[in-house]
Amino acid sequence: MIRQLNINNYEAFFVLGADPEEKLAPRRVVINISIRFLADADADANANACNYDDIKDTVCYRSLLSFLDKKLEGAGFNLLEKATQYLYDALVEYLKLNWNQVFSCRVEVMKPSPLPHRPLESASFICSDW
């Protein structure tokens, strides 16, 4: 059985882009996060939250998003790829500090309307360990 927490369409604002005009102000990006709770030899990860309905047995996404917001304060990136790797690394850091179970994660960062005056809805990049 796969147990997976998905955080969809989390909006964040930071400088993203290689062009000088893109560096003038933070822009809106959309972030999707998936965390899979994997079974290990000692416990079936996240089974307690599924069975006992207690928030202390799972990842609190309010706390996670607050952590990511702090990591992004003043951040700026030229490339979507670097921004995604940065957020993936921050997510892994948070989980290792706050979660004592085995996990796997995926981060997608989407840049809406990445090319001005072009019919392109968005571009995205994914970092994942599955």
Protein backbone atom coordinates (compact mmCIF):
# COMPACT_ATOMS: atom_id res chain seq x y z
CA MET A 1 0.00 0.00 0.00
CA ILE A 2 1.24 3.49 -0.83
CA ARG A 3 0.54 6.28 1.61
CA GLN A 4 1.27 9.67 0.09
CA LEU A 5 0.69 13.24 1.16
CA ASN A 6 0.23 15.70 -1.73
CA ILE A 7 0.41 19.45 -1.36
CA ASN A 8 -0.97 20.96 -4.54
CA ASN A 9 -0.77 24.45 -5.99
CA TYR A 10 1.16 26.02 -3.12
CA GLU A 11 1.94 29.57 -4.23
CA ALA A 12 5.23 31.19 -3.36
CA PHE A 13 6.92 34.38 -4.50
CA PHE A 14 10.60 34.76 -5.29
CA VAL A 15 12.85 36.12 -8.01
CA LEU A 16 13.08 33.61 -10.83
CA GLY A 17 14.56 34.22 -14.25
CA ALA A 18 17.75 34.88 -16.12
CA ASP A 19 16.59 38.03 -17.94
CA PRO A 20 17.24 41.38 -16.23
CA GLU A 21 13.55 42.35 -16.23
CA GLU A 22 12.68 39.09 -14.45
CA LYS A 23 15.06 40.01 -11.63
CA LEU A 24 13.25 43.26 -10.82
CA ALA A 25 10.62 41.73 -8.53
CA PRO A 26 9.55 38.40 -7.07
CA ARG A 27 7.14 36.47 -9.21
CA ARG A 28 4.47 33.91 -8.39
CA VAL A 29 5.41 30.28 -8.76
CA VAL A 30 3.27 27.22 -8.11
CA ILE A 31 4.73 24.33 -6.16
CA ASN A 32 3.46 20.76 -5.94
CA ILE A 33 4.91 18.43 -3.31
CA SER A 34 4.40 14.71 -2.80
CA ILE A 35 5.71 12.78 0.19
CA ARG A 36 5.47 9.00 0.18
CA PHE A 37 5.63 7.27 3.54
CA LEU A 38 7.52 4.04 3.07
CA ALA A 39 7.45 0.95 5.20
CA ASP A 40 10.65 0.04 6.99
CA ALA A 41 11.66 -2.87 9.19
CA ASP A 42 10.38 -1.22 12.37
CA ALA A 43 7.08 0.32 11.34
CA ASP A 44 4.64 0.89 8.55
CA ALA A 45 5.29 4.60 8.01
CA ASN A 46 2.30 6.85 8.60
CA ALA A 47 0.07 3.91 9.53
CA ASN A 48 -0.56 5.45 12.93
CA ALA A 49 -1.96 8.63 11.39
CA CYS A 50 -4.14 6.57 9.06
CA ASN A 51 -5.36 4.36 11.90
CA TYR A 52 -5.45 6.70 14.89
CA ASP A 53 -6.21 10.11 13.35
CA ASP A 54 -3.55 12.01 15.31
CA ILE A 55 -1.58 14.84 13.66
CA LYS A 56 1.55 14.07 15.67
CA ASP A 57 1.82 10.84 13.67
CA THR A 58 2.21 12.56 10.32
CA VAL A 59 3.81 15.52 8.56
CA CYS A 60 2.07 18.78 9.44
CA TYR A 61 1.87 20.61 6.15
CA ARG A 62 1.27 23.97 7.87
CA SER A 63 4.62 23.60 9.63
CA LEU A 64 6.28 22.32 6.45
CA LEU A 65 5.05 25.27 4.38
CA SER A 66 6.16 27.73 7.07
CA PHE A 67 9.62 26.14 6.93
CA LEU A 68 9.70 26.47 3.13
CA ASP A 69 8.49 30.08 3.30
CA LYS A 70 11.41 30.91 5.61
CA LYS A 71 13.88 29.15 3.30
CA LEU A 72 12.55 31.21 0.37
CA GLU A 73 12.75 34.62 2.10
CA GLY A 74 14.99 36.74 -0.10
CA ALA A 75 15.77 33.83 -2.42
CA GLY A 76 16.42 34.33 -6.09
CA PHE A 77 17.28 31.96 -8.90
CA ASN A 78 18.18 32.26 -12.55
CA LEU A 79 16.86 28.83 -13.44
CA LEU A 80 13.75 26.85 -12.70
CA GLU A 81 15.95 23.79 -12.30
CA LYS A 82 18.01 25.38 -9.49
CA ALA A 83 14.90 26.66 -7.71
CA THR A 84 13.38 23.17 -7.81
CA GLN A 85 16.55 21.50 -6.50
CA TYR A 86 16.73 24.10 -3.70
CA LEU A 87 13.15 23.36 -2.63
CA TYR A 88 13.66 19.60 -2.93
CA ASP A 89 16.75 19.83 -0.69
CA ALA A 90 14.82 21.99 1.81
CA LEU A 91 11.97 19.47 1.88
CA VAL A 92 14.38 16.59 2.55
CA GLU A 93 16.06 18.67 5.28
CA TYR A 94 12.69 19.36 6.93
CA LEU A 95 11.62 15.72 6.78
CA LYS A 96 14.89 14.45 8.20
CA LEU A 97 14.66 16.93 11.10
CA ASN A 98 10.99 16.33 11.86
CA TRP A 99 10.09 12.84 10.67
CA ASN A 100 11.67 9.66 11.94
CA GLN A 101 10.22 7.38 9.28
CA VAL A 102 11.38 6.38 5.82
CA PHE A 103 10.10 8.66 3.10
CA SER A 104 10.44 9.48 -0.55
CA CYS A 105 9.58 12.85 -2.05
CA ARG A 106 8.89 14.78 -5.22
CA VAL A 107 8.88 18.55 -5.82
CA GLU A 108 7.56 20.29 -8.92
CA VAL A 109 8.01 24.03 -9.41
CA MET A 110 5.86 25.63 -12.08
CA LYS A 111 6.51 29.04 -13.59
CA PRO A 112 3.22 30.42 -14.94
CA SER A 113 3.41 32.40 -18.20
CA PRO A 114 7.19 31.99 -18.48
CA LEU A 115 7.51 33.77 -21.82
CA PRO A 116 5.87 37.16 -22.21
CA HIS A 117 3.81 37.58 -25.37
CA ARG A 118 3.95 33.84 -26.14
CA PRO A 119 1.09 31.35 -25.88
CA LEU A 120 2.70 29.22 -23.18
CA GLU A 121 0.65 28.56 -20.05
CA SER A 122 3.52 27.38 -17.86
CA ALA A 123 6.84 25.57 -17.62
CA SER A 124 7.80 23.26 -14.77
CA PHE A 125 10.68 21.19 -13.47
CA ILE A 126 10.59 18.18 -11.13
CA CYS A 127 13.12 16.79 -8.65
CA SER A 128 12.19 13.40 -7.24
CA ASP A 129 13.69 10.27 -5.76
CA TRP A 130 11.14 7.99 -7.39
